[in-house]
Amino acid sequence: GILFEIATDGPGFTADEPLETLGESLALPPFLEARR
């Protein structure tokens, strides 16, 4: 019953933010952006 996941290495966290400012603001994937 333990939950396992297999996940791809990419595209990664720079898909929507520059490396330099990762984590500084709330990031939402495109399908949630309209509900920001």
All heavy atoms as atom14 arrays in JSON, in Angstrom:
{
  "sequence": "GILFEIATDGPGFTADEPLETLGESLALPPFLEARR",
  "atom14_mask": [
    [1, 1, 1, 1, 0, 0, 0, 0, 0, 0, 0, 0, 0, 0],
    [1, 1, 1, 1, 1, 1, 1, 1, 0, 0, 0, 0, 0, 0],
    [1, 1, 1, 1, 1, 1, 1, 1, 0, 0, 0, 0, 0, 0],
    [1, 1, 1, 1, 1, 1, 1, 1, 1, 1, 1, 0, 0, 0],
    [1, 1, 1, 1, 1, 1, 1, 1, 1, 0, 0, 0, 0, 0],
    [1, 1, 1, 1, 1, 1, 1, 1, 0, 0, 0, 0, 0, 0],
    [1, 1, 1, 1, 1, 0, 0, 0, 0, 0, 0, 0, 0, 0],
    [1, 1, 1, 1, 1, 1, 1, 0, 0, 0, 0, 0, 0, 0],
    [1, 1, 1, 1, 1, 1, 1, 1, 0, 0, 0, 0, 0, 0],
    [1, 1, 1, 1, 0, 0, 0, 0, 0, 0, 0, 0, 0, 0],
    [1, 1, 1, 1, 1, 1, 1, 0, 0, 0, 0, 0, 0, 0],
    [1, 1, 1, 1, 0, 0, 0, 0, 0, 0, 0, 0, 0, 0],
    [1, 1, 1, 1, 1, 1, 1, 1, 1, 1, 1, 0, 0, 0],
    [1, 1, 1, 1, 1, 1, 1, 0, 0, 0, 0, 0, 0, 0],
    [1, 1, 1, 1, 1, 0, 0, 0, 0, 0, 0, 0, 0, 0],
    [1, 1, 1, 1, 1, 1, 1, 1, 0, 0, 0, 0, 0, 0],
    [1, 1, 1, 1, 1, 1, 1, 1, 1, 0, 0, 0, 0, 0],
    [1, 1, 1, 1, 1, 1, 1, 0, 0, 0, 0, 0, 0, 0],
    [1, 1, 1, 1, 1, 1, 1, 1, 0, 0, 0, 0, 0, 0],
    [1, 1, 1, 1, 1, 1, 1, 1, 1, 0, 0, 0, 0, 0],
    [1, 1, 1, 1, 1, 1, 1, 0, 0, 0, 0, 0, 0, 0],
    [1, 1, 1, 1, 1, 1, 1, 1, 0, 0, 0, 0, 0, 0],
    [1, 1, 1, 1, 0, 0, 0, 0, 0, 0, 0, 0, 0, 0],
    [1, 1, 1, 1, 1, 1, 1, 1, 1, 0, 0, 0, 0, 0],
    [1, 1, 1, 1, 1, 1, 0, 0, 0, 0, 0, 0, 0, 0],
    [1, 1, 1, 1, 1, 1, 1, 1, 0, 0, 0, 0, 0, 0],
    [1, 1, 1, 1, 1, 0, 0, 0, 0, 0, 0, 0, 0, 0],
    [1, 1, 1, 1, 1, 1, 1, 1, 0, 0, 0, 0, 0, 0],
    [1, 1, 1, 1, 1, 1, 1, 0, 0, 0, 0, 0, 0, 0],
    [1, 1, 1, 1, 1, 1, 1, 0, 0, 0, 0, 0, 0, 0],
    [1, 1, 1, 1, 1, 1, 1, 1, 1, 1, 1, 0, 0, 0],
    [1, 1, 1, 1, 1, 1, 1, 1, 0, 0, 0, 0, 0, 0],
    [1, 1, 1, 1, 1, 1, 1, 1, 1, 0, 0, 0, 0, 0],
    [1, 1, 1, 1, 1, 0, 0, 0, 0, 0, 0, 0, 0, 0],
    [1, 1, 1, 1, 1, 1, 1, 1, 1, 1, 1, 0, 0, 0],
    [1, 1, 1, 1, 1, 1, 1, 1, 1, 1, 1, 0, 0, 0]
  ],
  "atom14_positions": [
    [[0.77, -1.23, 0.0], [0.0, 0.0, 0.0], [0.8, 1.28, 0.0], [0.23, 2.37, 0.06], [0.0, 0.0, 0.0], [0.0, 0.0, 0.0], [0.0, 0.0, 0.0], [0.0, 0.0, 0.0], [0.0, 0.0, 0.0], [0.0, 0.0, 0.0], [0.0, 0.0, 0.0], [0.0, 0.0, 0.0], [0.0, 0.0, 0.0], [0.0, 0.0, 0.0]],
    [[2.13, 1.2, -0.08], [2.96, 2.41, -0.07], [2.94, 3.02, -1.46], [3.11, 2.33, -2.47], [4.39, 2.07, 0.38], [4.37, 1.53, 1.82], [5.3, 3.3, 0.28], [5.66, 0.9, 2.27], [0.0, 0.0, 0.0], [0.0, 0.0, 0.0], [0.0, 0.0, 0.0], [0.0, 0.0, 0.0], [0.0, 0.0, 0.0], [0.0, 0.0, 0.0]],
    [[2.73, 4.35, -1.52], [2.58, 5.04, -2.79], [3.95, 5.31, -3.41], [4.8, 5.97, -2.81], [1.83, 6.35, -2.6], [1.48, 7.13, -3.88], [0.61, 6.3, -4.84], [0.77, 8.44, -3.52], [0.0, 0.0, 0.0], [0.0, 0.0, 0.0], [0.0, 0.0, 0.0], [0.0, 0.0, 0.0], [0.0, 0.0, 0.0], [0.0, 0.0, 0.0]],
    [[4.15, 4.79, -4.6], [5.36, 5.01, -5.4], [4.99, 5.89, -6.6], [3.87, 5.86, -7.09], [5.92, 3.69, -5.95], [6.65, 2.84, -4.94], [7.12, 1.58, -5.32], [6.9, 3.26, -3.64], [7.82, 0.78, -4.43], [7.59, 2.46, -2.74], [8.04, 1.21, -3.14], [0.0, 0.0, 0.0], [0.0, 0.0, 0.0], [0.0, 0.0, 0.0]],
    [[5.96, 6.64, -7.06], [5.82, 7.48, -8.25], [7.06, 7.28, -9.1], [8.16, 7.1, -8.58], [5.68, 8.95, -7.83], [5.66, 9.95, -8.98], [5.63, 11.41, -8.49], [5.5, 11.63, -7.27], [5.76, 12.31, -9.33], [0.0, 0.0, 0.0], [0.0, 0.0, 0.0], [0.0, 0.0, 0.0], [0.0, 0.0, 0.0], [0.0, 0.0, 0.0]],
    [[6.89, 7.31, -10.4], [8.02, 7.41, -11.32], [7.88, 8.76, -12.0], [6.8, 9.1, -12.5], [8.03, 6.26, -12.34], [8.14, 4.91, -11.62], [9.19, 6.42, -13.32], [8.02, 3.7, -12.54], [0.0, 0.0, 0.0], [0.0, 0.0, 0.0], [0.0, 0.0, 0.0], [0.0, 0.0, 0.0], [0.0, 0.0, 0.0], [0.0, 0.0, 0.0]],
    [[8.94, 9.58, -11.98], [8.86, 10.95, -12.48], [10.03, 11.23, -13.41], [11.15, 10.75, -13.21], [8.88, 11.94, -11.31], [0.0, 0.0, 0.0], [0.0, 0.0, 0.0], [0.0, 0.0, 0.0], [0.0, 0.0, 0.0], [0.0, 0.0, 0.0], [0.0, 0.0, 0.0], [0.0, 0.0, 0.0], [0.0, 0.0, 0.0], [0.0, 0.0, 0.0]],
    [[9.77, 12.05, -14.42], [10.81, 12.4, -15.38], [11.74, 13.47, -14.82], [11.34, 14.3, -14.0], [10.19, 12.93, -16.69], [9.38, 14.08, -16.38], [9.33, 11.88, -17.36], [0.0, 0.0, 0.0], [0.0, 0.0, 0.0], [0.0, 0.0, 0.0], [0.0, 0.0, 0.0], [0.0, 0.0, 0.0], [0.0, 0.0, 0.0], [0.0, 0.0, 0.0]],
    [[12.97, 13.46, -15.28], [13.94, 14.46, -14.82], [13.59, 15.87, -15.3], [13.93, 16.85, -14.64], [15.35, 14.11, -15.31], [16.01, 13.03, -14.47], [15.44, 12.65, -13.43], [17.11, 12.57, -14.85], [0.0, 0.0, 0.0], [0.0, 0.0, 0.0], [0.0, 0.0, 0.0], [0.0, 0.0, 0.0], [0.0, 0.0, 0.0], [0.0, 0.0, 0.0]],
    [[12.93, 15.98, -16.43], [12.62, 17.31, -16.97], [11.12, 17.5, -17.12], [10.34, 16.58, -16.91], [0.0, 0.0, 0.0], [0.0, 0.0, 0.0], [0.0, 0.0, 0.0], [0.0, 0.0, 0.0], [0.0, 0.0, 0.0], [0.0, 0.0, 0.0], [0.0, 0.0, 0.0], [0.0, 0.0, 0.0], [0.0, 0.0, 0.0], [0.0, 0.0, 0.0]],
    [[10.73, 18.72, -17.49], [11.57, 19.87, -17.85], [12.22, 20.6, -16.69], [13.12, 21.39, -16.88], [10.59, 20.79, -18.58], [9.25, 20.44, -18.03], [9.29, 18.97, -17.73], [0.0, 0.0, 0.0], [0.0, 0.0, 0.0], [0.0, 0.0, 0.0], [0.0, 0.0, 0.0], [0.0, 0.0, 0.0], [0.0, 0.0, 0.0], [0.0, 0.0, 0.0]],
    [[11.77, 20.37, -15.45], [12.42, 20.98, -14.31], [11.78, 22.28, -13.85], [10.85, 22.8, -14.46], [0.0, 0.0, 0.0], [0.0, 0.0, 0.0], [0.0, 0.0, 0.0], [0.0, 0.0, 0.0], [0.0, 0.0, 0.0], [0.0, 0.0, 0.0], [0.0, 0.0, 0.0], [0.0, 0.0, 0.0], [0.0, 0.0, 0.0], [0.0, 0.0, 0.0]],
    [[12.33, 22.82, -12.76], [11.71, 23.97, -12.09], [11.98, 25.3, -12.77], [11.37, 26.31, -12.42], [12.15, 24.02, -10.63], [11.65, 22.83, -9.85], [12.54, 21.94, -9.26], [10.3, 22.6, -9.71], [12.08, 20.85, -8.55], [9.83, 21.51, -9.0], [10.73, 20.62, -8.42], [0.0, 0.0, 0.0], [0.0, 0.0, 0.0], [0.0, 0.0, 0.0]],
    [[12.87, 25.33, -13.74], [13.08, 26.57, -14.48], [12.12, 26.69, -15.67], [12.25, 27.6, -16.48], [14.53, 26.67, -14.99], [14.83, 25.5, -15.76], [15.52, 26.77, -13.83], [0.0, 0.0, 0.0], [0.0, 0.0, 0.0], [0.0, 0.0, 0.0], [0.0, 0.0, 0.0], [0.0, 0.0, 0.0], [0.0, 0.0, 0.0], [0.0, 0.0, 0.0]],
    [[11.13, 25.8, -15.74], [10.14, 25.88, -16.82], [9.36, 27.18, -16.78], [8.87, 27.66, -17.81], [9.2, 24.68, -16.75], [0.0, 0.0, 0.0], [0.0, 0.0, 0.0], [0.0, 0.0, 0.0], [0.0, 0.0, 0.0], [0.0, 0.0, 0.0], [0.0, 0.0, 0.0], [0.0, 0.0, 0.0], [0.0, 0.0, 0.0], [0.0, 0.0, 0.0]],
    [[9.2, 27.76, -15.57], [8.39, 28.98, -15.47], [9.05, 30.07, -14.64], [8.44, 31.12, -14.4], [7.0, 28.66, -14.89], [7.08, 28.01, -13.51], [8.19, 27.73, -13.04], [6.01, 27.76, -12.92], [0.0, 0.0, 0.0], [0.0, 0.0, 0.0], [0.0, 0.0, 0.0], [0.0, 0.0, 0.0], [0.0, 0.0, 0.0], [0.0, 0.0, 0.0]],
    [[10.28, 29.85, -14.17], [10.99, 30.86, -13.38], [12.48, 30.78, -13.71], [13.0, 29.68, -13.93], [10.84, 30.6, -11.88], [9.46, 30.76, -11.31], [9.47, 30.5, -9.8], [9.74, 29.37, -9.38], [9.21, 31.46, -9.05], [0.0, 0.0, 0.0], [0.0, 0.0, 0.0], [0.0, 0.0, 0.0], [0.0, 0.0, 0.0], [0.0, 0.0, 0.0]],
    [[13.19, 31.91, -13.69], [14.64, 31.84, -13.86], [15.29, 31.14, -12.67], [14.78, 31.23, -11.54], [15.07, 33.31, -13.92], [13.82, 34.11, -14.05], [12.7, 33.28, -13.52], [0.0, 0.0, 0.0], [0.0, 0.0, 0.0], [0.0, 0.0, 0.0], [0.0, 0.0, 0.0], [0.0, 0.0, 0.0], [0.0, 0.0, 0.0], [0.0, 0.0, 0.0]],
    [[16.4, 30.47, -12.91], [17.12, 29.78, -11.84], [17.42, 30.72, -10.68], [17.32, 30.35, -9.51], [18.42, 29.19, -12.4], [19.29, 28.41, -11.41], [18.59, 27.17, -10.9], [20.64, 28.04, -12.05], [0.0, 0.0, 0.0], [0.0, 0.0, 0.0], [0.0, 0.0, 0.0], [0.0, 0.0, 0.0], [0.0, 0.0, 0.0], [0.0, 0.0, 0.0]],
    [[17.76, 31.96, -11.0], [18.21, 32.92, -9.98], [17.11, 33.26, -8.97], [17.4, 33.61, -7.83], [18.69, 34.22, -10.64], [19.91, 34.08, -11.52], [19.6, 33.37, -12.85], [18.44, 33.46, -13.33], [20.52, 32.7, -13.38], [0.0, 0.0, 0.0], [0.0, 0.0, 0.0], [0.0, 0.0, 0.0], [0.0, 0.0, 0.0], [0.0, 0.0, 0.0]],
    [[15.84, 33.19, -9.38], [14.75, 33.63, -8.5], [13.77, 32.51, -8.16], [12.64, 32.77, -7.75], [13.98, 34.8, -9.14], [13.48, 34.41, -10.43], [14.88, 36.03, -9.3], [0.0, 0.0, 0.0], [0.0, 0.0, 0.0], [0.0, 0.0, 0.0], [0.0, 0.0, 0.0], [0.0, 0.0, 0.0], [0.0, 0.0, 0.0], [0.0, 0.0, 0.0]],
    [[14.21, 31.26, -8.28], [13.33, 30.14, -7.95], [12.79, 30.29, -6.53], [13.51, 30.64, -5.6], [14.09, 28.82, -8.05], [14.44, 28.31, -9.45], [15.21, 26.99, -9.34], [13.21, 28.12, -10.3], [0.0, 0.0, 0.0], [0.0, 0.0, 0.0], [0.0, 0.0, 0.0], [0.0, 0.0, 0.0], [0.0, 0.0, 0.0], [0.0, 0.0, 0.0]],
    [[11.51, 30.0, -6.37], [10.91, 29.95, -5.04], [10.56, 31.26, -4.4], [10.04, 31.3, -3.29], [0.0, 0.0, 0.0], [0.0, 0.0, 0.0], [0.0, 0.0, 0.0], [0.0, 0.0, 0.0], [0.0, 0.0, 0.0], [0.0, 0.0, 0.0], [0.0, 0.0, 0.0], [0.0, 0.0, 0.0], [0.0, 0.0, 0.0], [0.0, 0.0, 0.0]],
    [[10.81, 32.37, -5.09], [10.58, 33.68, -4.46], [9.12, 34.14, -4.55], [8.69, 34.98, -3.76], [11.51, 34.73, -5.07], [12.98, 34.47, -4.73], [13.91, 35.52, -5.3], [13.41, 36.55, -5.84], [15.14, 35.32, -5.23], [0.0, 0.0, 0.0], [0.0, 0.0, 0.0], [0.0, 0.0, 0.0], [0.0, 0.0, 0.0], [0.0, 0.0, 0.0]],
    [[8.37, 33.62, -5.52], [6.95, 33.99, -5.62], [6.14, 32.73, -5.87], [6.69, 31.67, -6.18], [6.74, 35.0, -6.75], [7.2, 34.46, -7.98], [0.0, 0.0, 0.0], [0.0, 0.0, 0.0], [0.0, 0.0, 0.0], [0.0, 0.0, 0.0], [0.0, 0.0, 0.0], [0.0, 0.0, 0.0], [0.0, 0.0, 0.0], [0.0, 0.0, 0.0]],
    [[4.82, 32.84, -5.71], [3.96, 31.68, -5.9], [3.92, 31.31, -7.38], [3.52, 32.12, -8.22], [2.55, 31.97, -5.4], [1.57, 30.79, -5.5], [1.93, 29.69, -4.49], [0.13, 31.25, -5.27], [0.0, 0.0, 0.0], [0.0, 0.0, 0.0], [0.0, 0.0, 0.0], [0.0, 0.0, 0.0], [0.0, 0.0, 0.0], [0.0, 0.0, 0.0]],
    [[4.33, 30.1, -7.7], [4.32, 29.61, -9.08], [3.12, 28.69, -9.26], [2.85, 27.84, -8.42], [5.62, 28.86, -9.38], [0.0, 0.0, 0.0], [0.0, 0.0, 0.0], [0.0, 0.0, 0.0], [0.0, 0.0, 0.0], [0.0, 0.0, 0.0], [0.0, 0.0, 0.0], [0.0, 0.0, 0.0], [0.0, 0.0, 0.0], [0.0, 0.0, 0.0]],
    [[2.4, 28.89, -10.36], [1.27, 28.04, -10.68], [1.43, 27.5, -12.09], [1.82, 28.24, -13.0], [-0.04, 28.84, -10.59], [-0.44, 29.36, -9.2], [-1.69, 30.22, -9.31], [-0.65, 28.21, -8.23], [0.0, 0.0, 0.0], [0.0, 0.0, 0.0], [0.0, 0.0, 0.0], [0.0, 0.0, 0.0], [0.0, 0.0, 0.0], [0.0, 0.0, 0.0]],
    [[1.14, 26.23, -12.3], [1.19, 25.71, -13.66], [0.13, 26.4, -14.52], [-0.85, 26.95, -13.98], [0.9, 24.22, -13.49], [0.21, 24.11, -12.18], [0.72, 25.21, -11.33], [0.0, 0.0, 0.0], [0.0, 0.0, 0.0], [0.0, 0.0, 0.0], [0.0, 0.0, 0.0], [0.0, 0.0, 0.0], [0.0, 0.0, 0.0], [0.0, 0.0, 0.0]],
    [[0.29, 26.41, -15.84], [-0.63, 27.17, -16.71], [-2.11, 26.85, -16.49], [-2.94, 27.75, -16.55], [-0.17, 26.77, -18.11], [1.28, 26.42, -17.96], [1.4, 25.79, -16.6], [0.0, 0.0, 0.0], [0.0, 0.0, 0.0], [0.0, 0.0, 0.0], [0.0, 0.0, 0.0], [0.0, 0.0, 0.0], [0.0, 0.0, 0.0], [0.0, 0.0, 0.0]],
    [[-2.43, 25.59, -16.19], [-3.85, 25.25, -16.06], [-4.47, 25.78, -14.77], [-5.69, 25.72, -14.61], [-4.06, 23.73, -16.19], [-3.32, 22.89, -15.18], [-3.89, 22.6, -13.95], [-2.06, 22.38, -15.47], [-3.21, 21.83, -13.03], [-1.37, 21.6, -14.55], [-1.95, 21.32, -13.32], [0.0, 0.0, 0.0], [0.0, 0.0, 0.0], [0.0, 0.0, 0.0]],
    [[-3.66, 26.3, -13.84], [-4.19, 26.91, -12.62], [-4.07, 28.44, -12.63], [-4.6, 29.11, -11.75], [-3.46, 26.37, -11.38], [-3.72, 24.9, -11.02], [-2.89, 24.51, -9.81], [-5.2, 24.64, -10.74], [0.0, 0.0, 0.0], [0.0, 0.0, 0.0], [0.0, 0.0, 0.0], [0.0, 0.0, 0.0], [0.0, 0.0, 0.0], [0.0, 0.0, 0.0]],
    [[-3.39, 29.0, -13.62], [-3.07, 30.43, -13.61], [-4.33, 31.3, -13.59], [-4.38, 32.34, -12.92], [-2.2, 30.78, -14.83], [-1.6, 32.17, -14.78], [-0.71, 32.4, -13.55], [0.2, 31.6, -13.31], [-0.96, 33.4, -12.84], [0.0, 0.0, 0.0], [0.0, 0.0, 0.0], [0.0, 0.0, 0.0], [0.0, 0.0, 0.0], [0.0, 0.0, 0.0]],
    [[-5.39, 30.88, -14.27], [-6.61, 31.68, -14.31], [-7.27, 31.79, -12.93], [-8.05, 32.71, -12.68], [-7.6, 31.08, -15.3], [0.0, 0.0, 0.0], [0.0, 0.0, 0.0], [0.0, 0.0, 0.0], [0.0, 0.0, 0.0], [0.0, 0.0, 0.0], [0.0, 0.0, 0.0], [0.0, 0.0, 0.0], [0.0, 0.0, 0.0], [0.0, 0.0, 0.0]],
    [[-6.91, 30.88, -12.02], [-7.5, 30.88, -10.67], [-6.55, 31.5, -9.65], [-6.77, 31.37, -8.44], [-7.85, 29.45, -10.27], [-8.94, 28.82, -11.12], [-9.06, 27.32, -10.86], [-9.19, 27.02, -9.43], [-8.95, 25.81, -8.92], [-8.57, 24.82, -9.71], [-9.09, 25.6, -7.62], [0.0, 0.0, 0.0], [0.0, 0.0, 0.0], [0.0, 0.0, 0.0]],
    [[-5.5, 32.19, -10.11], [-4.47, 32.68, -9.19], [-5.04, 33.51, -8.04], [-4.69, 33.3, -6.88], [-3.42, 33.5, -9.95], [-2.36, 34.14, -9.03], [-1.28, 34.85, -9.81], [-0.36, 33.92, -10.45], [0.71, 33.38, -9.84], [0.98, 33.67, -8.57], [1.5, 32.57, -10.49], [0.0, 0.0, 0.0], [0.0, 0.0, 0.0], [0.0, 0.0, 0.0]]
  ]
}
